[in-house]
Amino acid sequence: MDRSDANKGKRGGAFRKNRNAGKGQAKKKSTELQKPKDPNLIRLNRYVANSGVCSRRDADIYIAAGNVTVNGKPITEMGYKVKLTDVVKFDGRLLNPEKKEYVLLNKPKDFVTTTNDERGRRTANQLIIKASKAKLSPVGKMDKNTTGLIVYTNDGDFAKSLTHAKNGLRKIYHVELNKALRQADLKKIQETLTLDDGPIKVHEISYIDNAPKREVGMEIRSNRNGIVRRIFEHLDYEVVKLDRVVYAGLTKKDLPRGHWRHLTKQELINLGMA
């Protein structure tokens, strides 16, 4: 081997050494990237976005402008991470980092809508356990024998909006009675009944086509508890089956009994929440 060959060998050896060193650094860097994230830390822009104030991109703008404080101090650093226990405010308003969730359930019979039942009965919450890691609560109430649509959410403002008396959201029920509904009683319901807690206006009621006269469809916009059953009990009828088929514009289309789905962005827009 001449000197030139030896020099080539040295250079080749050095090249391989440097190349291997590079691999080691890449491996080390890859290992560092794979370190588990601290579940108690969250990027500030995500915290702000999850609270419903704005998008994550807009949150970066507000953070840079000094609109966001953490534990009383303005934070303008991009990528800043906060603990879930930190006090984060946007323009002085306290934020909640929990992402808002909206779930529509087609509730089966024999499930109560209380979040925890002391009597050990099956709860509708058990049916939506995989819908979200957040604690969801029902909007309004539905007794265990009533089936159909009910919304679950962790957004308190949304729940208040849907149940506020002044909103009068549209609800349609398929009602089956223990006997045929007389035409005279149908007319009484159409003209407004007076119950123990005052008059009740039914927006629309009619017999269901091609069904026995004991089955009716009813549209009502009252949020009073158990109002449909109370209307018919007032007229000496028993409600055998009660199914809520439409709720605030939401329908059971492609949603079998016992199944759930998240509300779409368009549905939230329609409900005035996006």
Protein backbone atom coordinates (compact mmCIF):
# COMPACT_ATOMS: atom_id res chain seq x y z
CA MET A 1 0.00 0.00 0.00
CA ASP A 2 1.45 3.37 -0.93
CA ARG A 3 1.12 6.60 1.03
CA SER A 4 -1.83 7.81 -1.00
CA ASP A 5 -3.74 4.60 -0.28
CA ALA A 6 -2.94 4.95 3.42
CA ASN A 7 -4.20 8.51 3.40
CA LYS A 8 -7.38 7.39 1.69
CA GLY A 9 -7.83 4.75 4.35
CA LYS A 10 -7.37 7.29 7.11
CA ARG A 11 -9.81 9.66 5.49
CA GLY A 12 -12.28 6.83 4.96
CA GLY A 13 -11.94 5.76 8.58
CA ALA A 14 -12.44 9.29 9.79
CA PHE A 15 -15.49 9.64 7.55
CA ARG A 16 -17.01 6.45 8.93
CA LYS A 17 -16.26 7.59 12.46
CA ASN A 18 -17.90 10.96 11.92
CA ARG A 19 -20.85 9.35 10.18
CA ASN A 20 -21.36 6.94 13.07
CA ALA A 21 -21.07 9.82 15.52
CA GLY A 22 -23.81 11.59 13.62
CA LYS A 23 -26.01 8.53 13.92
CA GLY A 24 -25.42 8.48 17.65
CA GLN A 25 -26.45 12.11 17.94
CA ALA A 26 -29.56 11.51 15.84
CA LYS A 27 -30.44 8.51 17.99
CA LYS A 28 -29.94 10.56 21.14
CA LYS A 29 -32.09 13.37 19.72
CA SER A 30 -34.79 10.88 18.70
CA THR A 31 -34.80 9.43 22.21
CA GLU A 32 -35.19 12.89 23.67
CA LEU A 33 -38.14 13.59 21.39
CA GLN A 34 -39.80 10.39 22.51
CA LYS A 35 -39.78 11.36 26.18
CA PRO A 36 -43.33 11.18 27.54
CA LYS A 37 -45.14 14.50 27.77
CA ASP A 38 -46.15 15.82 31.16
CA PRO A 39 -49.97 15.44 31.23
CA ASN A 40 -50.17 18.30 33.71
CA LEU A 41 -48.68 20.78 31.24
CA ILE A 42 -50.42 22.33 28.26
CA ARG A 43 -49.35 24.97 25.75
CA LEU A 44 -50.89 28.32 26.59
CA ASN A 45 -52.40 28.83 23.13
CA ARG A 46 -54.16 25.48 23.38
CA TYR A 47 -55.38 26.32 26.89
CA VAL A 48 -56.92 29.55 25.58
CA ALA A 49 -58.41 27.86 22.49
CA ASN A 50 -59.92 25.00 24.54
CA SER A 51 -61.65 27.55 26.74
CA GLY A 52 -63.70 28.64 23.73
CA VAL A 53 -62.30 32.17 23.44
CA CYS A 54 -60.86 31.75 19.94
CA SER A 55 -58.87 29.47 17.66
CA ARG A 56 -55.33 28.39 18.58
CA ARG A 57 -53.89 30.63 15.83
CA ASP A 58 -55.76 33.66 17.14
CA ALA A 59 -54.68 32.76 20.66
CA ASP A 60 -51.06 33.24 19.59
CA ILE A 61 -51.94 36.78 18.48
CA TYR A 62 -53.65 37.62 21.77
CA ILE A 63 -50.78 36.13 23.78
CA ALA A 64 -48.22 38.20 21.84
CA ALA A 65 -50.34 41.30 22.48
CA GLY A 66 -50.30 40.67 26.24
CA ASN A 67 -54.02 39.90 26.60
CA VAL A 68 -53.36 36.68 28.52
CA THR A 69 -52.08 36.46 32.09
CA VAL A 70 -50.89 33.43 34.04
CA ASN A 71 -51.09 33.68 37.82
CA GLY A 72 -51.43 37.45 37.46
CA LYS A 73 -48.49 38.00 35.10
CA PRO A 74 -48.81 38.79 31.35
CA ILE A 75 -47.24 36.07 29.18
CA THR A 76 -46.11 36.92 25.65
CA GLU A 77 -43.78 33.96 25.05
CA MET A 78 -44.77 31.66 22.18
CA GLY A 79 -44.88 28.00 23.19
CA TYR A 80 -45.20 28.83 26.89
CA LYS A 81 -46.65 25.93 28.88
CA VAL A 82 -48.91 26.17 31.90
CA LYS A 83 -50.17 23.77 34.51
CA LEU A 84 -53.84 22.90 34.62
CA THR A 85 -53.87 24.32 38.14
CA ASP A 86 -52.57 27.73 37.01
CA VAL A 87 -54.90 30.72 36.99
CA VAL A 88 -55.16 31.83 33.36
CA LYS A 89 -57.14 34.91 32.38
CA PHE A 90 -58.03 36.54 29.07
CA ASP A 91 -58.68 40.29 29.41
CA GLY A 92 -59.33 39.67 33.10
CA ARG A 93 -61.79 36.81 32.55
CA LEU A 94 -60.95 33.46 34.15
CA LEU A 95 -60.61 30.65 31.60
CA ASN A 96 -61.47 26.97 31.81
CA PRO A 97 -59.12 24.83 29.69
CA GLU A 98 -61.48 21.89 29.34
CA LYS A 99 -62.52 21.43 25.73
CA LYS A 100 -66.24 21.87 25.23
CA GLU A 101 -68.01 18.66 24.21
CA TYR A 102 -71.53 18.25 22.78
CA VAL A 103 -72.99 14.75 22.45
CA LEU A 104 -76.39 13.70 21.14
CA LEU A 105 -77.77 10.41 22.51
CA ASN A 106 -80.77 8.42 21.33
CA LYS A 107 -81.74 7.16 24.78
CA PRO A 108 -83.32 3.73 25.20
CA LYS A 109 -86.01 2.92 27.73
CA ASP A 110 -85.10 2.03 31.34
CA PHE A 111 -82.09 4.35 31.57
CA VAL A 112 -82.20 7.31 33.96
CA THR A 113 -80.50 10.59 33.08
CA THR A 114 -79.12 11.38 36.52
CA THR A 115 -75.31 11.26 36.48
CA ASN A 116 -75.18 9.07 39.59
CA ASP A 117 -78.16 7.02 40.69
CA GLU A 118 -78.27 6.09 44.38
CA ARG A 119 -80.73 3.29 43.64
CA GLY A 120 -78.28 1.51 41.35
CA ARG A 121 -80.34 1.93 38.18
CA ARG A 122 -78.70 2.07 34.77
CA THR A 123 -77.77 5.60 33.73
CA ALA A 124 -77.58 7.08 30.26
CA ASN A 125 -74.06 8.28 31.13
CA GLN A 126 -72.94 4.66 30.85
CA LEU A 127 -73.95 4.74 27.19
CA ILE A 128 -71.75 7.73 26.36
CA ILE A 129 -68.74 6.75 28.46
CA LYS A 130 -66.52 6.56 25.35
CA ALA A 131 -67.75 9.85 23.90
CA SER A 132 -65.44 12.05 25.97
CA LYS A 133 -62.96 12.03 28.82
CA ALA A 134 -64.71 15.12 30.19
CA LYS A 135 -67.57 14.88 32.66
CA LEU A 136 -70.74 15.38 30.62
CA SER A 137 -74.15 16.22 32.05
CA PRO A 138 -77.59 15.99 30.44
CA VAL A 139 -79.35 19.09 29.20
CA GLY A 140 -82.68 18.93 30.99
CA LYS A 141 -84.24 15.73 32.29
CA MET A 142 -85.80 12.65 30.75
CA ASP A 143 -87.50 9.99 32.83
CA LYS A 144 -86.38 6.37 32.52
CA ASN A 145 -89.44 5.30 30.47
CA THR A 146 -89.05 8.07 27.88
CA THR A 147 -86.87 7.35 24.86
CA GLY A 148 -85.28 9.53 22.23
CA LEU A 149 -82.99 12.50 21.89
CA ILE A 150 -81.10 14.09 24.74
CA VAL A 151 -77.95 16.25 24.64
CA TYR A 152 -74.98 15.84 26.99
CA THR A 153 -72.34 18.53 27.46
CA ASN A 154 -69.79 20.08 29.80
CA ASP A 155 -70.69 23.57 28.56
CA GLY A 156 -72.83 25.16 31.27
CA ASP A 157 -73.71 28.23 29.19
CA PHE A 158 -74.90 26.00 26.35
CA ALA A 159 -77.08 23.96 28.72
CA LYS A 160 -78.64 27.10 30.20
CA SER A 161 -79.33 28.46 26.72
CA LEU A 162 -81.17 25.31 25.64
CA THR A 163 -83.29 25.10 28.78
CA HIS A 164 -84.08 28.78 29.23
CA ALA A 165 -87.83 29.32 29.09
CA LYS A 166 -87.61 32.31 26.72
CA ASN A 167 -85.88 30.25 24.01
CA GLY A 168 -88.79 27.84 23.53
CA LEU A 169 -86.83 25.26 21.57
CA ARG A 170 -88.77 22.92 19.31
CA LYS A 171 -89.35 19.37 20.58
CA ILE A 172 -91.43 16.77 18.76
CA TYR A 173 -92.71 13.63 20.47
CA HIS A 174 -94.27 10.42 19.23
CA VAL A 175 -96.85 9.57 21.89
CA GLU A 176 -98.67 6.27 22.34
CA LEU A 177 -101.60 6.25 24.75
CA ASN A 178 -103.45 3.45 26.54
CA LYS A 179 -106.57 4.24 24.49
CA ALA A 180 -107.63 6.21 21.45
CA LEU A 181 -107.48 9.97 21.84
CA ARG A 182 -110.93 11.44 21.41
CA GLN A 183 -111.33 14.24 18.89
CA ALA A 184 -112.79 16.46 21.63
CA ASP A 185 -109.70 16.00 23.80
CA LEU A 186 -107.43 16.61 20.82
CA LYS A 187 -109.19 19.93 20.34
CA LYS A 188 -108.80 20.81 24.05
CA ILE A 189 -105.06 20.32 23.79
CA GLN A 190 -104.91 22.44 20.65
CA GLU A 191 -106.79 25.26 22.39
CA THR A 192 -104.48 25.35 25.48
CA LEU A 193 -104.99 23.44 28.70
CA THR A 194 -104.64 24.80 32.23
CA LEU A 195 -102.68 22.50 34.53
CA ASP A 196 -101.90 22.86 38.23
CA ASP A 197 -98.87 25.07 37.45
CA GLY A 198 -100.63 27.20 34.85
CA PRO A 199 -101.69 27.11 31.18
CA ILE A 200 -99.72 25.10 28.67
CA LYS A 201 -99.55 25.82 24.98
CA VAL A 202 -98.98 22.92 22.58
CA HIS A 203 -97.64 24.21 19.30
CA GLU A 204 -99.09 21.36 17.24
CA ILE A 205 -100.72 17.98 17.78
CA SER A 206 -102.21 15.49 15.32
CA TYR A 207 -102.95 11.83 14.82
CA ILE A 208 -100.18 9.88 13.15
CA ASP A 209 -100.98 8.77 9.61
CA ASN A 210 -101.77 5.08 9.10
CA ALA A 211 -101.63 4.42 12.84
CA PRO A 212 -104.28 3.77 15.53
CA LYS A 213 -105.91 6.86 17.06
CA ARG A 214 -104.04 6.21 20.29
CA GLU A 215 -100.83 7.38 18.57
CA VAL A 216 -100.22 11.09 18.10
CA GLY A 217 -97.42 13.44 17.19
CA MET A 218 -96.92 16.48 19.38
CA GLU A 219 -94.74 19.56 18.99
CA ILE A 220 -94.15 21.46 22.21
CA ARG A 221 -91.73 24.21 23.24
CA SER A 222 -92.13 24.18 26.99
CA ASN A 223 -89.29 23.05 29.28
CA ARG A 224 -91.55 22.12 32.20
CA ASN A 225 -90.71 18.73 33.68
CA GLY A 226 -92.84 15.78 32.56
CA ILE A 227 -95.13 18.12 30.67
CA VAL A 228 -96.24 15.67 27.94
CA ARG A 229 -97.28 12.96 30.39
CA ARG A 230 -99.00 15.55 32.60
CA ILE A 231 -101.05 16.89 29.69
CA PHE A 232 -102.55 13.49 28.96
CA GLU A 233 -102.95 12.52 32.60
CA HIS A 234 -104.97 15.71 33.02
CA LEU A 235 -107.40 14.33 30.42
CA ASP A 236 -107.45 10.82 31.97
CA TYR A 237 -105.05 9.09 29.57
CA GLU A 238 -101.95 7.07 30.35
CA VAL A 239 -98.84 7.49 28.21
CA VAL A 240 -97.65 4.01 27.28
CA LYS A 241 -94.73 5.09 25.09
CA LEU A 242 -93.06 8.45 24.72
CA ASP A 243 -90.30 9.06 22.19
CA ARG A 244 -88.59 12.40 21.54
CA VAL A 245 -87.87 12.35 17.81
CA VAL A 246 -86.75 15.97 17.30
CA TYR A 247 -84.93 18.24 19.72
CA ALA A 248 -83.98 21.83 18.85
CA GLY A 249 -83.64 20.94 15.17
CA LEU A 250 -81.64 17.77 15.91
CA THR A 251 -83.07 14.51 14.59
CA LYS A 252 -82.54 10.76 15.03
CA LYS A 253 -81.41 10.28 11.45
CA ASP A 254 -78.66 7.62 11.30
CA LEU A 255 -78.66 7.39 15.09
CA PRO A 256 -80.02 4.02 16.31
CA ARG A 257 -81.43 3.60 19.79
CA GLY A 258 -78.67 3.48 22.40
CA HIS A 259 -76.12 5.16 20.12
CA TRP A 260 -74.56 8.62 20.33
CA ARG A 261 -72.68 11.09 18.15
CA HIS A 262 -70.96 14.45 18.53
CA LEU A 263 -72.83 17.50 17.31
CA THR A 264 -71.44 18.88 14.07
CA LYS A 265 -70.03 22.37 13.71
CA GLN A 266 -73.03 23.33 11.57
CA GLU A 267 -75.45 22.10 14.25
CA LEU A 268 -73.64 24.19 16.86
CA ILE A 269 -73.87 27.20 14.55
CA ASN A 270 -77.61 26.56 14.17
CA LEU A 271 -77.93 26.46 17.94
CA GLY A 272 -76.04 29.73 18.24
CA MET A 273 -73.04 28.17 20.00
CA ALA A 274 -70.29 28.52 17.38
